[in-house]
PDB file of all heavy atoms in Angstrom:
ATOM      1  N   VAL A   1       0.842  -1.196   0.000  1.00  0.00           N
ATOM      2  CA  VAL A   1       0.000   0.000   0.000  1.00  0.00           C
ATOM      3  C   VAL A   1       0.880   1.249   0.000  1.00  0.00           C
ATOM      4  O   VAL A   1       0.640   2.190  -0.757  1.00  0.00           O
ATOM      5  CB  VAL A   1      -0.972   0.001   1.205  1.00  0.00           C
ATOM      6  CG1 VAL A   1      -1.634   1.362   1.372  1.00  0.00           C
ATOM      7  CG2 VAL A   1      -2.021  -1.089   1.035  1.00  0.00           C
ATOM      8  N   PHE A   2       1.928   1.245   0.816  1.00  0.00           N
ATOM      9  CA  PHE A   2       2.848   2.385   0.860  1.00  0.00           C
ATOM     10  C   PHE A   2       3.507   2.595  -0.501  1.00  0.00           C
ATOM     11  O   PHE A   2       3.590   3.710  -1.001  1.00  0.00           O
ATOM     12  CB  PHE A   2       3.906   2.153   1.942  1.00  0.00           C
ATOM     13  CG  PHE A   2       4.819   3.325   2.144  1.00  0.00           C
ATOM     14  CD1 PHE A   2       4.460   4.358   2.995  1.00  0.00           C
ATOM     15  CD2 PHE A   2       6.035   3.400   1.485  1.00  0.00           C
ATOM     16  CE1 PHE A   2       5.293   5.450   3.185  1.00  0.00           C
ATOM     17  CE2 PHE A   2       6.875   4.487   1.670  1.00  0.00           C
ATOM     18  CZ  PHE A   2       6.502   5.518   2.522  1.00  0.00           C
ATOM     19  N   GLU A   3       3.979   1.514  -1.115  1.00  0.00           N
ATOM     20  CA  GLU A   3       4.635   1.614  -2.413  1.00  0.00           C
ATOM     21  C   GLU A   3       3.674   2.084  -3.501  1.00  0.00           C
ATOM     22  O   GLU A   3       4.039   2.891  -4.361  1.00  0.00           O
ATOM     23  CB  GLU A   3       5.255   0.270  -2.803  1.00  0.00           C
ATOM     24  CG  GLU A   3       6.463  -0.071  -1.958  1.00  0.00           C
ATOM     25  CD  GLU A   3       7.013  -1.462  -2.216  1.00  0.00           C
ATOM     26  OE1 GLU A   3       6.286  -2.323  -2.779  1.00  0.00           O
ATOM     27  OE2 GLU A   3       8.164  -1.698  -1.835  1.00  0.00           O
ATOM     28  N   LEU A   4       2.453   1.594  -3.477  1.00  0.00           N
ATOM     29  CA  LEU A   4       1.467   2.030  -4.465  1.00  0.00           C
ATOM     30  C   LEU A   4       1.186   3.526  -4.337  1.00  0.00           C
ATOM     31  O   LEU A   4       1.057   4.228  -5.338  1.00  0.00           O
ATOM     32  CB  LEU A   4       0.157   1.255  -4.302  1.00  0.00           C
ATOM     33  CG  LEU A   4       0.148  -0.186  -4.770  1.00  0.00           C
ATOM     34  CD1 LEU A   4      -1.120  -0.884  -4.288  1.00  0.00           C
ATOM     35  CD2 LEU A   4       0.271  -0.263  -6.272  1.00  0.00           C
ATOM     36  N   ARG A   5       1.116   3.986  -3.113  1.00  0.00           N
ATOM     37  CA  ARG A   5       0.799   5.396  -2.876  1.00  0.00           C
ATOM     38  C   ARG A   5       1.990   6.293  -3.233  1.00  0.00           C
ATOM     39  O   ARG A   5       1.835   7.291  -3.920  1.00  0.00           O
ATOM     40  CB  ARG A   5       0.410   5.595  -1.404  1.00  0.00           C
ATOM     41  CG  ARG A   5       0.064   7.009  -1.057  1.00  0.00           C
ATOM     42  CD  ARG A   5      -1.236   7.419  -1.675  1.00  0.00           C
ATOM     43  NE  ARG A   5      -1.531   8.787  -1.250  1.00  0.00           N
ATOM     44  CZ  ARG A   5      -2.404   9.547  -1.825  1.00  0.00           C
ATOM     45  NH1 ARG A   5      -3.110   9.090  -2.837  1.00  0.00           N
ATOM     46  NH2 ARG A   5      -2.612  10.762  -1.402  1.00  0.00           N
ATOM     47  N   ILE A   6       3.186   5.940  -2.783  1.00  0.00           N
ATOM     48  CA  ILE A   6       4.350   6.797  -2.970  1.00  0.00           C
ATOM     49  C   ILE A   6       4.965   6.615  -4.350  1.00  0.00           C
ATOM     50  O   ILE A   6       5.170   7.584  -5.076  1.00  0.00           O
ATOM     51  CB  ILE A   6       5.412   6.523  -1.876  1.00  0.00           C
ATOM     52  CG1 ILE A   6       4.849   6.835  -0.492  1.00  0.00           C
ATOM     53  CG2 ILE A   6       6.690   7.309  -2.149  1.00  0.00           C
ATOM     54  CD1 ILE A   6       4.397   8.269  -0.307  1.00  0.00           C
ATOM     55  N   PHE A   7       5.293   5.396  -4.723  1.00  0.00           N
ATOM     56  CA  PHE A   7       5.988   5.162  -5.979  1.00  0.00           C
ATOM     57  C   PHE A   7       5.029   5.035  -7.162  1.00  0.00           C
ATOM     58  O   PHE A   7       5.325   5.471  -8.263  1.00  0.00           O
ATOM     59  CB  PHE A   7       6.871   3.919  -5.888  1.00  0.00           C
ATOM     60  CG  PHE A   7       7.873   3.998  -4.769  1.00  0.00           C
ATOM     61  CD1 PHE A   7       7.876   3.052  -3.757  1.00  0.00           C
ATOM     62  CD2 PHE A   7       8.799   5.013  -4.714  1.00  0.00           C
ATOM     63  CE1 PHE A   7       8.791   3.125  -2.727  1.00  0.00           C
ATOM     64  CE2 PHE A   7       9.720   5.097  -3.686  1.00  0.00           C
ATOM     65  CZ  PHE A   7       9.722   4.148  -2.688  1.00  0.00           C
ATOM     66  N   GLY A   8       3.898   4.399  -6.933  1.00  0.00           N
ATOM     67  CA  GLY A   8       2.925   4.222  -8.005  1.00  0.00           C
ATOM     68  C   GLY A   8       2.022   5.434  -8.190  1.00  0.00           C
ATOM     69  O   GLY A   8       1.305   5.520  -9.175  1.00  0.00           O
ATOM     70  N   GLU A   9       2.039   6.350  -7.213  1.00  0.00           N
ATOM     71  CA  GLU A   9       1.249   7.575  -7.259  1.00  0.00           C
ATOM     72  C   GLU A   9      -0.239   7.297  -7.479  1.00  0.00           C
ATOM     73  O   GLU A   9      -0.927   8.034  -8.176  1.00  0.00           O
ATOM     74  CB  GLU A   9       1.785   8.541  -8.318  1.00  0.00           C
ATOM     75  CG  GLU A   9       3.199   8.969  -8.077  1.00  0.00           C
ATOM     76  CD  GLU A   9       3.754   9.883  -9.152  1.00  0.00           C
ATOM     77  OE1 GLU A   9       3.035  10.171 -10.132  1.00  0.00           O
ATOM     78  OE2 GLU A   9       4.900  10.318  -9.001  1.00  0.00           O
ATOM     79  N   LEU A  10      -0.731   6.232  -6.860  1.00  0.00           N
ATOM     80  CA  LEU A  10      -2.145   5.900  -6.993  1.00  0.00           C
ATOM     81  C   LEU A  10      -2.943   6.576  -5.884  1.00  0.00           C
ATOM     82  O   LEU A  10      -2.430   6.819  -4.793  1.00  0.00           O
ATOM     83  CB  LEU A  10      -2.353   4.385  -6.915  1.00  0.00           C
ATOM     84  CG  LEU A  10      -1.710   3.550  -8.016  1.00  0.00           C
ATOM     85  CD1 LEU A  10      -2.038   2.079  -7.815  1.00  0.00           C
ATOM     86  CD2 LEU A  10      -2.162   3.995  -9.386  1.00  0.00           C
ATOM     87  N   SER A  11      -4.189   6.841  -6.165  1.00  0.00           N
ATOM     88  CA  SER A  11      -5.080   7.423  -5.149  1.00  0.00           C
ATOM     89  C   SER A  11      -5.484   6.320  -4.170  1.00  0.00           C
ATOM     90  O   SER A  11      -5.349   5.127  -4.455  1.00  0.00           O
ATOM     91  CB  SER A  11      -6.321   8.013  -5.819  1.00  0.00           C
ATOM     92  OG  SER A  11      -7.147   6.975  -6.317  1.00  0.00           O
ATOM     93  N   PHE A  12      -6.020   6.749  -3.033  1.00  0.00           N
ATOM     94  CA  PHE A  12      -6.488   5.762  -2.059  1.00  0.00           C
ATOM     95  C   PHE A  12      -7.638   4.946  -2.646  1.00  0.00           C
ATOM     96  O   PHE A  12      -7.764   3.760  -2.376  1.00  0.00           O
ATOM     97  CB  PHE A  12      -6.928   6.443  -0.761  1.00  0.00           C
ATOM     98  CG  PHE A  12      -5.774   7.028   0.007  1.00  0.00           C
ATOM     99  CD1 PHE A  12      -5.708   8.385   0.261  1.00  0.00           C
ATOM    100  CD2 PHE A  12      -4.757   6.223   0.476  1.00  0.00           C
ATOM    101  CE1 PHE A  12      -4.651   8.926   0.969  1.00  0.00           C
ATOM    102  CE2 PHE A  12      -3.689   6.752   1.179  1.00  0.00           C
ATOM    103  CZ  PHE A  12      -3.634   8.101   1.438  1.00  0.00           C
ATOM    104  N   ARG A  13      -8.445   5.566  -3.456  1.00  0.00           N
ATOM    105  CA  ARG A  13      -9.550   4.859  -4.110  1.00  0.00           C
ATOM    106  C   ARG A  13      -9.014   3.746  -5.007  1.00  0.00           C
ATOM    107  O   ARG A  13      -9.499   2.624  -4.988  1.00  0.00           O
ATOM    108  CB  ARG A  13     -10.384   5.863  -4.920  1.00  0.00           C
ATOM    109  CG  ARG A  13     -11.593   5.271  -5.582  1.00  0.00           C
ATOM    110  CD  ARG A  13     -12.343   6.366  -6.382  1.00  0.00           C
ATOM    111  NE  ARG A  13     -13.099   5.852  -7.466  1.00  0.00           N
ATOM    112  CZ  ARG A  13     -12.613   5.306  -8.587  1.00  0.00           C
ATOM    113  NH1 ARG A  13     -11.327   5.202  -8.762  1.00  0.00           N
ATOM    114  NH2 ARG A  13     -13.402   4.853  -9.530  1.00  0.00           N
ATOM    115  N   GLU A  14      -7.993   4.067  -5.800  1.00  0.00           N
ATOM    116  CA  GLU A  14      -7.404   3.083  -6.704  1.00  0.00           C
ATOM    117  C   GLU A  14      -6.741   1.943  -5.931  1.00  0.00           C
ATOM    118  O   GLU A  14      -6.865   0.770  -6.302  1.00  0.00           O
ATOM    119  CB  GLU A  14      -6.381   3.761  -7.624  1.00  0.00           C
ATOM    120  CG  GLU A  14      -7.015   4.721  -8.604  1.00  0.00           C
ATOM    121  CD  GLU A  14      -6.008   5.617  -9.305  1.00  0.00           C
ATOM    122  OE1 GLU A  14      -4.966   5.972  -8.703  1.00  0.00           O
ATOM    123  OE2 GLU A  14      -6.275   5.987 -10.468  1.00  0.00           O
ATOM    124  N   ILE A  15      -6.074   2.290  -4.847  1.00  0.00           N
ATOM    125  CA  ILE A  15      -5.428   1.264  -4.017  1.00  0.00           C
ATOM    126  C   ILE A  15      -6.486   0.351  -3.415  1.00  0.00           C
ATOM    127  O   ILE A  15      -6.340  -0.876  -3.416  1.00  0.00           O
ATOM    128  CB  ILE A  15      -4.560   1.913  -2.919  1.00  0.00           C
ATOM    129  CG1 ILE A  15      -3.384   2.651  -3.555  1.00  0.00           C
ATOM    130  CG2 ILE A  15      -4.073   0.870  -1.922  1.00  0.00           C
ATOM    131  CD1 ILE A  15      -2.617   3.558  -2.598  1.00  0.00           C
ATOM    132  N   GLY A  16      -7.552   0.938  -2.920  1.00  0.00           N
ATOM    133  CA  GLY A  16      -8.650   0.138  -2.373  1.00  0.00           C
ATOM    134  C   GLY A  16      -9.218  -0.823  -3.408  1.00  0.00           C
ATOM    135  O   GLY A  16      -9.497  -1.991  -3.103  1.00  0.00           O
ATOM    136  N   LEU A  17      -9.362  -0.358  -4.648  1.00  0.00           N
ATOM    137  CA  LEU A  17      -9.885  -1.217  -5.710  1.00  0.00           C
ATOM    138  C   LEU A  17      -8.938  -2.379  -6.011  1.00  0.00           C
ATOM    139  O   LEU A  17      -9.387  -3.501  -6.247  1.00  0.00           O
ATOM    140  CB  LEU A  17     -10.136  -0.396  -6.973  1.00  0.00           C
ATOM    141  CG  LEU A  17     -11.335   0.550  -6.917  1.00  0.00           C
ATOM    142  CD1 LEU A  17     -11.348   1.482  -8.113  1.00  0.00           C
ATOM    143  CD2 LEU A  17     -12.627  -0.243  -6.846  1.00  0.00           C
ATOM    144  N   ILE A  18      -7.639  -2.123  -5.999  1.00  0.00           N
ATOM    145  CA  ILE A  18      -6.666  -3.193  -6.259  1.00  0.00           C
ATOM    146  C   ILE A  18      -6.794  -4.300  -5.224  1.00  0.00           C
ATOM    147  O   ILE A  18      -6.720  -5.485  -5.538  1.00  0.00           O
ATOM    148  CB  ILE A  18      -5.230  -2.634  -6.299  1.00  0.00           C
ATOM    149  CG1 ILE A  18      -5.026  -1.814  -7.566  1.00  0.00           C
ATOM    150  CG2 ILE A  18      -4.193  -3.758  -6.212  1.00  0.00           C
ATOM    151  CD1 ILE A  18      -3.720  -1.070  -7.630  1.00  0.00           C
ATOM    152  N   PHE A  19      -7.029  -3.912  -3.959  1.00  0.00           N
ATOM    153  CA  PHE A  19      -7.134  -4.886  -2.876  1.00  0.00           C
ATOM    154  C   PHE A  19      -8.566  -5.356  -2.638  1.00  0.00           C
ATOM    155  O   PHE A  19      -8.814  -6.115  -1.712  1.00  0.00           O
ATOM    156  CB  PHE A  19      -6.583  -4.286  -1.575  1.00  0.00           C
ATOM    157  CG  PHE A  19      -5.090  -4.262  -1.497  1.00  0.00           C
ATOM    158  CD1 PHE A  19      -4.370  -3.174  -1.966  1.00  0.00           C
ATOM    159  CD2 PHE A  19      -4.391  -5.323  -0.971  1.00  0.00           C
ATOM    160  CE1 PHE A  19      -2.993  -3.136  -1.895  1.00  0.00           C
ATOM    161  CE2 PHE A  19      -3.016  -5.304  -0.895  1.00  0.00           C
ATOM    162  CZ  PHE A  19      -2.315  -4.207  -1.359  1.00  0.00           C
ATOM    163  N   SER A  20      -9.497  -4.872  -3.441  1.00  0.00           N
ATOM    164  CA  SER A  20     -10.926  -5.162  -3.254  1.00  0.00           C
ATOM    165  C   SER A  20     -11.391  -4.726  -1.863  1.00  0.00           C
ATOM    166  O   SER A  20     -12.127  -5.440  -1.182  1.00  0.00           O
ATOM    167  CB  SER A  20     -11.218  -6.653  -3.462  1.00  0.00           C
ATOM    168  OG  SER A  20     -10.870  -7.040  -4.759  1.00  0.00           O
ATOM    169  N   LYS A  21     -10.923  -3.551  -1.460  1.00  0.00           N
ATOM    170  CA  LYS A  21     -11.280  -2.967  -0.166  1.00  0.00           C
ATOM    171  C   LYS A  21     -11.813  -1.563  -0.411  1.00  0.00           C
ATOM    172  O   LYS A  21     -11.887  -1.095  -1.540  1.00  0.00           O
ATOM    173  CB  LYS A  21     -10.051  -2.888   0.759  1.00  0.00           C
ATOM    174  CG  LYS A  21      -9.341  -4.199   0.998  1.00  0.00           C
ATOM    175  CD  LYS A  21     -10.006  -4.987   2.058  1.00  0.00           C
ATOM    176  CE  LYS A  21      -9.179  -6.231   2.378  1.00  0.00           C
ATOM    177  NZ  LYS A  21      -9.754  -7.046   3.376  1.00  0.00           N
ATOM    178  N   THR A  22     -12.112  -0.862   0.667  1.00  0.00           N
ATOM    179  CA  THR A  22     -12.629   0.499   0.545  1.00  0.00           C
ATOM    180  C   THR A  22     -11.498   1.510   0.465  1.00  0.00           C
ATOM    181  O   THR A  22     -10.352   1.217   0.826  1.00  0.00           O
ATOM    182  CB  THR A  22     -13.506   0.858   1.761  1.00  0.00           C
ATOM    183  OG1 THR A  22     -12.677   0.868   2.926  1.00  0.00           O
ATOM    184  CG2 THR A  22     -14.659  -0.126   1.932  1.00  0.00           C
ATOM    185  N   GLU A  23     -11.867   2.697   0.040  1.00  0.00           N
ATOM    186  CA  GLU A  23     -10.909   3.804   0.008  1.00  0.00           C
ATOM    187  C   GLU A  23     -10.412   4.110   1.420  1.00  0.00           C
ATOM    188  O   GLU A  23      -9.229   4.371   1.636  1.00  0.00           O
ATOM    189  CB  GLU A  23     -11.573   5.042  -0.592  1.00  0.00           C
ATOM    190  CG  GLU A  23     -10.692   6.256  -0.648  1.00  0.00           C
ATOM    191  CD  GLU A  23     -11.390   7.447  -1.289  1.00  0.00           C
ATOM    192  OE1 GLU A  23     -12.370   7.264  -2.031  1.00  0.00           O
ATOM    193  OE2 GLU A  23     -10.923   8.575  -1.035  1.00  0.00           O
ATOM    194  N   ASN A  24     -11.306   4.055   2.385  1.00  0.00           N
ATOM    195  CA  ASN A  24     -10.933   4.326   3.768  1.00  0.00           C
ATOM    196  C   ASN A  24      -9.934   3.285   4.280  1.00  0.00           C
ATOM    197  O   ASN A  24      -8.986   3.625   4.996  1.00  0.00           O
ATOM    198  CB  ASN A  24     -12.178   4.369   4.657  1.00  0.00           C
ATOM    199  CG  ASN A  24     -11.868   4.947   6.018  1.00  0.00           C
ATOM    200  OD1 ASN A  24     -11.179   5.960   6.116  1.00  0.00           O
ATOM    201  ND2 ASN A  24     -12.366   4.304   7.059  1.00  0.00           N
ATOM    202  N   TRP A  25     -10.128   2.028   3.914  1.00  0.00           N
ATOM    203  CA  TRP A  25      -9.174   0.978   4.302  1.00  0.00           C
ATOM    204  C   TRP A  25      -7.784   1.308   3.768  1.00  0.00           C
ATOM    205  O   TRP A  25      -6.786   1.185   4.479  1.00  0.00           O
ATOM    206  CB  TRP A  25      -9.621  -0.381   3.773  1.00  0.00           C
ATOM    207  CG  TRP A  25      -8.625  -1.465   4.027  1.00  0.00           C
ATOM    208  CD1 TRP A  25      -8.537  -2.268   5.122  1.00  0.00           C
ATOM    209  CD2 TRP A  25      -7.543  -1.858   3.169  1.00  0.00           C
ATOM    210  NE1 TRP A  25      -7.474  -3.123   5.001  1.00  0.00           N
ATOM    211  CE2 TRP A  25      -6.842  -2.898   3.812  1.00  0.00           C
ATOM    212  CE3 TRP A  25      -7.097  -1.436   1.918  1.00  0.00           C
ATOM    213  CZ2 TRP A  25      -5.732  -3.519   3.257  1.00  0.00           C
ATOM    214  CZ3 TRP A  25      -5.979  -2.050   1.368  1.00  0.00           C
ATOM    215  CH2 TRP A  25      -5.311  -3.074   2.035  1.00  0.00           C
ATOM    216  N   ALA A  26      -7.715   1.727   2.514  1.00  0.00           N
ATOM    217  CA  ALA A  26      -6.427   2.073   1.903  1.00  0.00           C
ATOM    218  C   ALA A  26      -5.788   3.252   2.622  1.00  0.00           C
ATOM    219  O   ALA A  26      -4.586   3.259   2.888  1.00  0.00           O
ATOM    220  CB  ALA A  26      -6.612   2.387   0.420  1.00  0.00           C
ATOM    221  N   ARG A  27      -6.576   4.247   2.959  1.00  0.00           N
ATOM    222  CA  ARG A  27      -6.067   5.432   3.652  1.00  0.00           C
ATOM    223  C   ARG A  27      -5.502   5.056   5.028  1.00  0.00           C
ATOM    224  O   ARG A  27      -4.388   5.439   5.381  1.00  0.00           O
ATOM    225  CB  ARG A  27      -7.202   6.450   3.797  1.00  0.00           C
ATOM    226  CG  ARG A  27      -6.789   7.799   4.293  1.00  0.00           C
ATOM    227  CD  ARG A  27      -7.983   8.760   4.356  1.00  0.00           C
ATOM    228  NE  ARG A  27      -8.717   8.857   3.109  1.00  0.00           N
ATOM    229  CZ  ARG A  27      -8.391   9.662   2.100  1.00  0.00           C
ATOM    230  NH1 ARG A  27      -7.349  10.428   2.204  1.00  0.00           N
ATOM    231  NH2 ARG A  27      -9.122   9.681   1.004  1.00  0.00           N
ATOM    232  N   VAL A  28      -6.248   4.279   5.796  1.00  0.00           N
ATOM    233  CA  VAL A  28      -5.813   3.867   7.136  1.00  0.00           C
ATOM    234  C   VAL A  28      -4.570   2.979   7.040  1.00  0.00           C
ATOM    235  O   VAL A  28      -3.611   3.158   7.794  1.00  0.00           O
ATOM    236  CB  VAL A  28      -6.963   3.137   7.877  1.00  0.00           C
ATOM    237  CG1 VAL A  28      -6.474   2.469   9.139  1.00  0.00           C
ATOM    238  CG2 VAL A  28      -8.093   4.117   8.182  1.00  0.00           C
ATOM    239  N   THR A  29      -4.569   2.052   6.109  1.00  0.00           N
ATOM    240  CA  THR A  29      -3.429   1.150   5.941  1.00  0.00           C
ATOM    241  C   THR A  29      -2.177   1.929   5.558  1.00  0.00           C
ATOM    242  O   THR A  29      -1.088   1.662   6.076  1.00  0.00           O
ATOM    243  CB  THR A  29      -3.751   0.071   4.889  1.00  0.00           C
ATOM    244  OG1 THR A  29      -4.942  -0.618   5.289  1.00  0.00           O
ATOM    245  CG2 THR A  29      -2.617  -0.935   4.772  1.00  0.00           C
ATOM    246  N   TYR A  30      -2.321   2.907   4.679  1.00  0.00           N
ATOM    247  CA  TYR A  30      -1.178   3.737   4.284  1.00  0.00           C
ATOM    248  C   TYR A  30      -0.622   4.500   5.489  1.00  0.00           C
ATOM    249  O   TYR A  30       0.593   4.526   5.714  1.00  0.00           O
ATOM    250  CB  TYR A  30      -1.581   4.723   3.183  1.00  0.00           C
ATOM    251  CG  TYR A  30      -0.551   5.787   2.952  1.00  0.00           C
ATOM    252  CD1 TYR A  30       0.637   5.511   2.275  1.00  0.00           C
ATOM    253  CD2 TYR A  30      -0.729   7.082   3.445  1.00  0.00           C
ATOM    254  CE1 TYR A  30       1.600   6.485   2.085  1.00  0.00           C
ATOM    255  CE2 TYR A  30       0.223   8.056   3.253  1.00  0.00           C
ATOM    256  CZ  TYR A  30       1.387   7.750   2.576  1.00  0.00           C
ATOM    257  OH  TYR A  30       2.339   8.715   2.397  1.00  0.00           O
ATOM    258  N   HIS A  31      -1.488   5.108   6.261  1.00  0.00           N
ATOM    259  CA  HIS A  31      -1.015   5.885   7.409  1.00  0.00           C
ATOM    260  C   HIS A  31      -0.366   4.987   8.463  1.00  0.00           C
ATOM    261  O   HIS A  31       0.635   5.373   9.075  1.00  0.00           O
ATOM    262  CB  HIS A  31      -2.143   6.730   7.995  1.00  0.00           C
ATOM    263  CG  HIS A  31      -2.493   7.883   7.096  1.00  0.00           C
ATOM    264  ND1 HIS A  31      -1.640   8.935   6.887  1.00  0.00           N
ATOM    265  CD2 HIS A  31      -3.575   8.121   6.322  1.00  0.00           C
ATOM    266  CE1 HIS A  31      -2.192   9.788   6.034  1.00  0.00           C
ATOM    267  NE2 HIS A  31      -3.357   9.300   5.665  1.00  0.00           N
ATOM    268  N   ARG A  32      -0.890   3.805   8.653  1.00  0.00           N
ATOM    269  CA  ARG A  32      -0.255   2.854   9.576  1.00  0.00           C
ATOM    270  C   ARG A  32       1.113   2.426   9.046  1.00  0.00           C
ATOM    271  O   ARG A  32       2.067   2.277   9.806  1.00  0.00           O
ATOM    272  CB  ARG A  32      -1.147   1.634   9.782  1.00  0.00           C
ATOM    273  CG  ARG A  32      -2.346   1.918  10.628  1.00  0.00           C
ATOM    274  CD  ARG A  32      -3.211   0.696  10.820  1.00  0.00           C
ATOM    275  NE  ARG A  32      -4.381   1.002  11.616  1.00  0.00           N
ATOM    276  CZ  ARG A  32      -5.454   0.230  11.689  1.00  0.00           C
ATOM    277  NH1 ARG A  32      -5.505  -0.908  11.004  1.00  0.00           N
ATOM    278  NH2 ARG A  32      -6.471   0.585  12.418  1.00  0.00           N
ATOM    279  N   ALA A  33       1.192   2.214   7.740  1.00  0.00           N
ATOM    280  CA  ALA A  33       2.476   1.845   7.134  1.00  0.00           C
ATOM    281  C   ALA A  33       3.495   2.954   7.342  1.00  0.00           C
ATOM    282  O   ALA A  33       4.663   2.694   7.661  1.00  0.00           O
ATOM    283  CB  ALA A  33       2.293   1.573   5.639  1.00  0.00           C
ATOM    284  N   ARG A  34       3.059   4.189   7.149  1.00  0.00           N
ATOM    285  CA  ARG A  34       3.952   5.333   7.338  1.00  0.00           C
ATOM    286  C   ARG A  34       4.466   5.406   8.775  1.00  0.00           C
ATOM    287  O   ARG A  34       5.654   5.627   9.014  1.00  0.00           O
ATOM    288  CB  ARG A  34       3.199   6.620   6.994  1.00  0.00           C
ATOM    289  CG  ARG A  34       4.005   7.549   6.150  1.00  0.00           C
ATOM    290  CD  ARG A  34       3.235   8.770   5.768  1.00  0.00           C
ATOM    291  NE  ARG A  34       3.091   9.591   6.966  1.00  0.00           N
ATOM    292  CZ  ARG A  34       2.209  10.542   7.113  1.00  0.00           C
ATOM    293  NH1 ARG A  34       1.367  10.806   6.166  1.00  0.00           N
ATOM    294  NH2 ARG A  34       2.155  11.250   8.211  1.00  0.00           N
ATOM    295  N   LEU A  35       3.574   5.172   9.736  1.00  0.00           N
ATOM    296  CA  LEU A  35       3.985   5.181  11.147  1.00  0.00           C
ATOM    297  C   LEU A  35       4.964   4.051  11.449  1.00  0.00           C
ATOM    298  O   LEU A  35       5.965   4.249  12.140  1.00  0.00           O
ATOM    299  CB  LEU A  35       2.762   5.077  12.058  1.00  0.00           C
ATOM    300  CG  LEU A  35       1.841   6.298  12.084  1.00  0.00           C
ATOM    301  CD1 LEU A  35       0.587   5.995  12.882  1.00  0.00           C
ATOM    302  CD2 LEU A  35       2.578   7.500  12.662  1.00  0.00           C
ATOM    303  N   LYS A  36       4.678   2.857  10.943  1.00  0.00           N
ATOM    304  CA  LYS A  36       5.572   1.713  11.159  1.00  0.00           C
ATOM    305  C   LYS A  36       6.948   1.975  10.541  1.00  0.00           C
ATOM    306  O   LYS A  36       7.976   1.650  11.130  1.00  0.00           O
ATOM    307  CB  LYS A  36       4.966   0.435  10.571  1.00  0.00           C
ATOM    308  CG  LYS A  36       3.786  -0.108  11.337  1.00  0.00           C
ATOM    309  CD  LYS A  36       3.184  -1.298  10.589  1.00  0.00           C
ATOM    310  CE  LYS A  36       2.017  -1.873  11.330  1.00  0.00           C
ATOM    311  NZ  LYS A  36       2.411  -2.750  12.412  1.00  0.00           N
ATOM    312  N   LEU A  37       6.949   2.543   9.354  1.00  0.00           N
ATOM    313  CA  LEU A  37       8.203   2.850   8.672  1.00  0.00           C
ATOM    314  C   LEU A  37       8.993   3.897   9.461  1.00  0.00           C
ATOM    315  O   LEU A  37      10.210   3.750   9.649  1.00  0.00           O
ATOM    316  CB  LEU A  37       7.914   3.350   7.253  1.00  0.00           C
ATOM    317  CG  LEU A  37       9.083   3.441   6.297  1.00  0.00           C
ATOM    318  CD1 LEU A  37       9.767   2.096   6.138  1.00  0.00           C
ATOM    319  CD2 LEU A  37       8.607   3.941   4.947  1.00  0.00           C
ATOM    320  N   GLN A  38       8.316   4.908   9.947  1.00  0.00           N
ATOM    321  CA  GLN A  38       8.984   5.953  10.743  1.00  0.00           C
ATOM    322  C   GLN A  38       9.566   5.365  12.027  1.00  0.00           C
ATOM    323  O   GLN A  38      10.698   5.684  12.410  1.00  0.00           O
ATOM    324  CB  GLN A  38       7.994   7.070  11.077  1.00  0.00           C
ATOM    325  CG  GLN A  38       8.653   8.250  11.768  1.00  0.00           C
ATOM    326  CD  GLN A  38       9.691   8.918  10.880  1.00  0.00           C
ATOM    327  OE1 GLN A  38       9.411   9.224   9.743  1.00  0.00           O
ATOM    328  NE2 GLN A  38      10.873   9.128  11.412  1.00  0.00           N
ATOM    329  N   GLU A  39       8.808   4.488  12.690  1.00  0.00           N
ATOM    330  CA  GLU A  39       9.306   3.842  13.906  1.00  0.00           C
ATOM    331  C   GLU A  39      10.563   3.047  13.621  1.00  0.00           C
ATOM    332  O   GLU A  39      11.539   3.081  14.393  1.00  0.00           O
ATOM    333  CB  GLU A  39       8.236   2.899  14.492  1.00  0.00           C
ATOM    334  CG  GLU A  39       7.077   3.605  15.130  1.00  0.00           C
ATOM    335  CD  GLU A  39       5.964   2.649  15.525  1.00  0.00           C
ATOM    336  OE1 GLU A  39       6.136   1.407  15.366  1.00  0.00           O
ATOM    337  OE2 GLU A  39       4.912   3.133  15.961  1.00  0.00           O
ATOM    338  N   ARG A  40      10.583   2.333  12.528  1.00  0.00           N
ATOM    339  CA  ARG A  40      11.760   1.528  12.173  1.00  0.00           C
ATOM    340  C   ARG A  40      12.953   2.399  11.815  1.00  0.00           C
ATOM    341  O   ARG A  40      14.080   2.061  12.116  1.00  0.00           O
ATOM    342  CB  ARG A  40      11.417   0.572  11.038  1.00  0.00           C
ATOM    343  CG  ARG A  40      10.465  -0.486  11.534  1.00  0.00           C
ATOM    344  CD  ARG A  40      10.201  -1.544  10.543  1.00  0.00           C
ATOM    345  NE  ARG A  40       9.261  -2.471  11.191  1.00  0.00           N
ATOM    346  CZ  ARG A  40       8.588  -3.374  10.576  1.00  0.00           C
ATOM    347  NH1 ARG A  40       8.712  -3.508   9.271  1.00  0.00           N
ATOM    348  NH2 ARG A  40       7.770  -4.163  11.205  1.00  0.00           N
TER     349      ARG A  40
END
């Protein structure tokens, strides 16, 4: 999700569609990924 958003420049809606999830799921997953990456 992080790679799709940053490198693939996809919208949260598009990311949600790729995973067969909602736009909100993609948004939350991206922000969690960003936090995990920052912690590491």
